[in-house]
Every structure is written in structure tokens, then in C-alpha cells.
């Protein structure tokens, strides 16, 4: 697996989850990484991205609740998701540029 994503799961509305994504050594150098998500019956949509300089970009609907960050020493990015709602239920995909390369997805389910 080139992009190892983890941290998904089941959480109650109002709860929090933190996703992480680590690229394999073969694709360790990246200019930008981030997260997209796809809910059942919907198109895949941007959640947030971050450059290797730490510049973050968010979809408007995620701004304020979600925080993307990176750990240079671990070459890992994180997505801290707070105040989750059932509408956040989706498969969350890690993405890496250049490429883009997609991770396998991690399921996030928010119960009401």
C-alpha cells in the first residue's frame, strides 16, 4: 500500500476522530497531500489539503471543524475532525501530489 490511511471508525454525533496518512518510502517526497471524501450516492469531494511547507486549504464546509496538519519527522499527515455530524459519514481518501495517488480509503461513520 503506497498511502497508508488509518483512524476511521464509528463515532457519535458531536464526537471527534483523527485520521492519519503516511506515504510509503517509494513516494515519500510530496508537494501536497490531503483528504477527499465520498458519501454513498455522492461525488467525491475535497476535504482539505496541505503543502509540504504547511500551507493548508479547506473546503468551505469543513473549515472550522476540521484541521489538517503534518508531522515532518514521521512524514505523516493528519486530519483532526471535531463536532462530527451524520453528514460527515463517508469514505475518506488520502491523496498525494505529484500524481495524484490515492489511498485505499478509511470509513468514517457518524451515528445520530
C-alpha atoms as a PDB file:
ATOM      1  CA  UNK A   1       0.000   0.000   0.000  1.00  0.00           C
ATOM      2  CA  UNK A   2       1.546   3.261  -1.070  1.00  0.00           C
ATOM      3  CA  UNK A   3      -0.621   5.511   1.066  1.00  0.00           C
ATOM      4  CA  UNK A   4      -1.434   4.030   4.434  1.00  0.00           C
ATOM      5  CA  UNK A   5      -4.501   5.685   5.886  1.00  0.00           C
ATOM      6  CA  UNK A   6      -5.964   4.929   9.279  1.00  0.00           C
ATOM      7  CA  UNK A   7      -8.113   6.351  12.036  1.00  0.00           C
ATOM      8  CA  UNK A   8     -11.604   5.886  10.686  1.00  0.00           C
ATOM      9  CA  UNK A   9     -14.353   4.333  12.702  1.00  0.00           C
ATOM     10  CA  UNK A  10     -17.747   4.770  14.280  1.00  0.00           C
ATOM     11  CA  UNK A  11     -18.414   7.813  16.427  1.00  0.00           C
ATOM     12  CA  UNK A  12     -21.490   9.516  17.808  1.00  0.00           C
ATOM     13  CA  UNK A  13     -22.588  12.900  16.557  1.00  0.00           C
ATOM     14  CA  UNK A  14     -20.599  15.623  18.224  1.00  0.00           C
ATOM     15  CA  UNK A  15     -17.594  13.387  18.606  1.00  0.00           C
ATOM     16  CA  UNK A  16     -14.126  13.545  17.123  1.00  0.00           C
ATOM     17  CA  UNK A  17     -11.814  11.388  15.071  1.00  0.00           C
ATOM     18  CA  UNK A  18      -8.289  11.805  13.808  1.00  0.00           C
ATOM     19  CA  UNK A  19      -7.220  10.322  10.511  1.00  0.00           C
ATOM     20  CA  UNK A  20      -3.630   9.781   9.538  1.00  0.00           C
ATOM     21  CA  UNK A  21      -1.929   9.040   6.241  1.00  0.00           C
ATOM     22  CA  UNK A  22       1.656   8.017   5.634  1.00  0.00           C
ATOM     23  CA  UNK A  23       3.184   7.572   2.189  1.00  0.00           C
ATOM     24  CA  UNK A  24       5.480   4.636   1.570  1.00  0.00           C
ATOM     25  CA  UNK A  25       9.175   5.209   1.068  1.00  0.00           C
ATOM     26  CA  UNK A  26       8.860   4.971  -2.698  1.00  0.00           C
ATOM     27  CA  UNK A  27       6.615   8.041  -2.732  1.00  0.00           C
ATOM     28  CA  UNK A  28       7.917   9.734   0.388  1.00  0.00           C
ATOM     29  CA  UNK A  29       8.587  13.039  -1.383  1.00  0.00           C
ATOM     30  CA  UNK A  30       5.446  15.008  -1.920  1.00  0.00           C
ATOM     31  CA  UNK A  31       4.446  18.559  -2.645  1.00  0.00           C
ATOM     32  CA  UNK A  32       0.901  18.360  -1.344  1.00  0.00           C
ATOM     33  CA  UNK A  33      -1.212  15.800   0.439  1.00  0.00           C
ATOM     34  CA  UNK A  34      -4.711  15.823   1.677  1.00  0.00           C
ATOM     35  CA  UNK A  35      -8.086  14.227   2.089  1.00  0.00           C
ATOM     36  CA  UNK A  36     -11.153  13.790  -0.032  1.00  0.00           C
ATOM     37  CA  UNK A  37     -14.315  12.022   0.980  1.00  0.00           C
ATOM     38  CA  UNK A  38     -17.133  10.223  -0.751  1.00  0.00           C
ATOM     39  CA  UNK A  39     -20.507   9.622   0.807  1.00  0.00           C
ATOM     40  CA  UNK A  40     -22.884   6.965  -0.552  1.00  0.00           C
ATOM     41  CA  UNK A  41     -24.503   8.162  -3.750  1.00  0.00           C
ATOM     42  CA  UNK A  42     -22.440  11.336  -3.877  1.00  0.00           C
ATOM     43  CA  UNK A  43     -19.393  12.514  -5.746  1.00  0.00           C
ATOM     44  CA  UNK A  44     -16.002  12.558  -4.145  1.00  0.00           C
ATOM     45  CA  UNK A  45     -15.317  15.967  -2.632  1.00  0.00           C
ATOM     46  CA  UNK A  46     -12.364  17.843  -1.266  1.00  0.00           C
ATOM     47  CA  UNK A  47     -11.949  17.964   2.484  1.00  0.00           C
ATOM     48  CA  UNK A  48      -8.546  19.588   2.952  1.00  0.00           C
ATOM     49  CA  UNK A  49      -5.011  19.623   1.613  1.00  0.00           C
ATOM     50  CA  UNK A  50      -1.671  20.727   2.983  1.00  0.00           C
ATOM     51  CA  UNK A  51       1.579  21.543   1.223  1.00  0.00           C
ATOM     52  CA  UNK A  52       4.948  20.296   2.341  1.00  0.00           C
ATOM     53  CA  UNK A  53       5.509  23.827   3.621  1.00  0.00           C
ATOM     54  CA  UNK A  54       2.466  23.508   5.842  1.00  0.00           C
ATOM     55  CA  UNK A  55       0.029  25.666   3.907  1.00  0.00           C
ATOM     56  CA  UNK A  56      -3.470  24.289   4.432  1.00  0.00           C
ATOM     57  CA  UNK A  57      -6.527  24.574   2.248  1.00  0.00           C
ATOM     58  CA  UNK A  58     -10.037  23.573   3.290  1.00  0.00           C
ATOM     59  CA  UNK A  59     -13.379  23.067   1.669  1.00  0.00           C
ATOM     60  CA  UNK A  60     -15.628  25.802   2.998  1.00  0.00           C
ATOM     61  CA  UNK A  61     -17.976  23.375   4.719  1.00  0.00           C
ATOM     62  CA  UNK A  62     -15.111  21.786   6.655  1.00  0.00           C
ATOM     63  CA  UNK A  63     -13.404  24.968   7.747  1.00  0.00           C
ATOM     64  CA  UNK A  64     -13.501  25.435  11.473  1.00  0.00           C
ATOM     65  CA  UNK A  65     -14.358  21.852  12.352  1.00  0.00           C
ATOM     66  CA  UNK A  66     -11.547  20.017  10.594  1.00  0.00           C
ATOM     67  CA  UNK A  67      -7.840  20.664  10.930  1.00  0.00           C
ATOM     68  CA  UNK A  68      -5.192  19.224   8.657  1.00  0.00           C
ATOM     69  CA  UNK A  69      -1.616  19.048   9.848  1.00  0.00           C
ATOM     70  CA  UNK A  70       1.645  17.308   9.084  1.00  0.00           C
ATOM     71  CA  UNK A  71       4.462  15.749  11.066  1.00  0.00           C
ATOM     72  CA  UNK A  72       7.653  16.139   9.090  1.00  0.00           C
ATOM     73  CA  UNK A  73       9.606  13.708  11.228  1.00  0.00           C
ATOM     74  CA  UNK A  74       7.050  10.966  10.645  1.00  0.00           C
ATOM     75  CA  UNK A  75       6.212  12.139   7.113  1.00  0.00           C
ATOM     76  CA  UNK A  76       2.578  11.785   8.071  1.00  0.00           C
ATOM     77  CA  UNK A  77      -0.436  13.997   7.649  1.00  0.00           C
ATOM     78  CA  UNK A  78      -3.383  14.133   9.997  1.00  0.00           C
ATOM     79  CA  UNK A  79      -6.970  15.223   9.766  1.00  0.00           C
ATOM     80  CA  UNK A  80      -8.492  16.158  13.096  1.00  0.00           C
ATOM     81  CA  UNK A  81     -12.272  16.121  12.778  1.00  0.00           C
ATOM     82  CA  UNK A  82     -14.363  17.664  15.536  1.00  0.00           C
ATOM     83  CA  UNK A  83     -18.081  18.184  16.051  1.00  0.00           C
ATOM     84  CA  UNK A  84     -18.868  15.415  13.629  1.00  0.00           C
ATOM     85  CA  UNK A  85     -22.363  15.056  12.233  1.00  0.00           C
ATOM     86  CA  UNK A  86     -24.057  12.199  10.378  1.00  0.00           C
ATOM     87  CA  UNK A  87     -23.472  14.209   7.189  1.00  0.00           C
ATOM     88  CA  UNK A  88     -19.755  13.600   7.642  1.00  0.00           C
ATOM     89  CA  UNK A  89     -20.286   9.880   7.145  1.00  0.00           C
ATOM     90  CA  UNK A  90     -18.188   8.860   4.146  1.00  0.00           C
ATOM     91  CA  UNK A  91     -15.134   7.013   2.995  1.00  0.00           C
ATOM     92  CA  UNK A  92     -12.181   9.335   3.449  1.00  0.00           C
ATOM     93  CA  UNK A  93      -9.386   9.057   0.931  1.00  0.00           C
ATOM     94  CA  UNK A  94      -5.850  10.239   1.321  1.00  0.00           C
ATOM     95  CA  UNK A  95      -4.294  11.837  -1.757  1.00  0.00           C
ATOM     96  CA  UNK A  96      -0.726  12.656  -2.604  1.00  0.00           C
ATOM     97  CA  UNK A  97       0.721  15.030  -5.213  1.00  0.00           C
ATOM     98  CA  UNK A  98       2.500  14.706  -7.556  1.00  0.00           C
ATOM     99  CA  UNK A  99       0.331  12.058  -9.109  1.00  0.00           C
ATOM    100  CA  UNK A 100      -2.171  12.240  -7.827  1.00  0.00           C
ATOM    101  CA  UNK A 101      -2.011   8.988  -5.938  1.00  0.00           C
ATOM    102  CA  UNK A 102      -4.978   7.794  -3.904  1.00  0.00           C
ATOM    103  CA  UNK A 103      -5.031   5.790  -0.719  1.00  0.00           C
ATOM    104  CA  UNK A 104      -7.404   2.920  -0.128  1.00  0.00           C
ATOM    105  CA  UNK A 105      -9.888   4.914   1.933  1.00  0.00           C
ATOM    106  CA  UNK A 106     -10.949   4.706   5.528  1.00  0.00           C
ATOM    107  CA  UNK A 107     -14.587   4.601   6.603  1.00  0.00           C
ATOM    108  CA  UNK A 108     -15.942   7.246   8.927  1.00  0.00           C
ATOM    109  CA  UNK A 109     -19.430   6.658  10.271  1.00  0.00           C
ATOM    110  CA  UNK A 110     -21.173   9.179  12.481  1.00  0.00           C
ATOM    111  CA  UNK A 111     -24.292   7.991  14.269  1.00  0.00           C
ATOM    112  CA  UNK A 112     -27.059  10.338  15.328  1.00  0.00           C
END
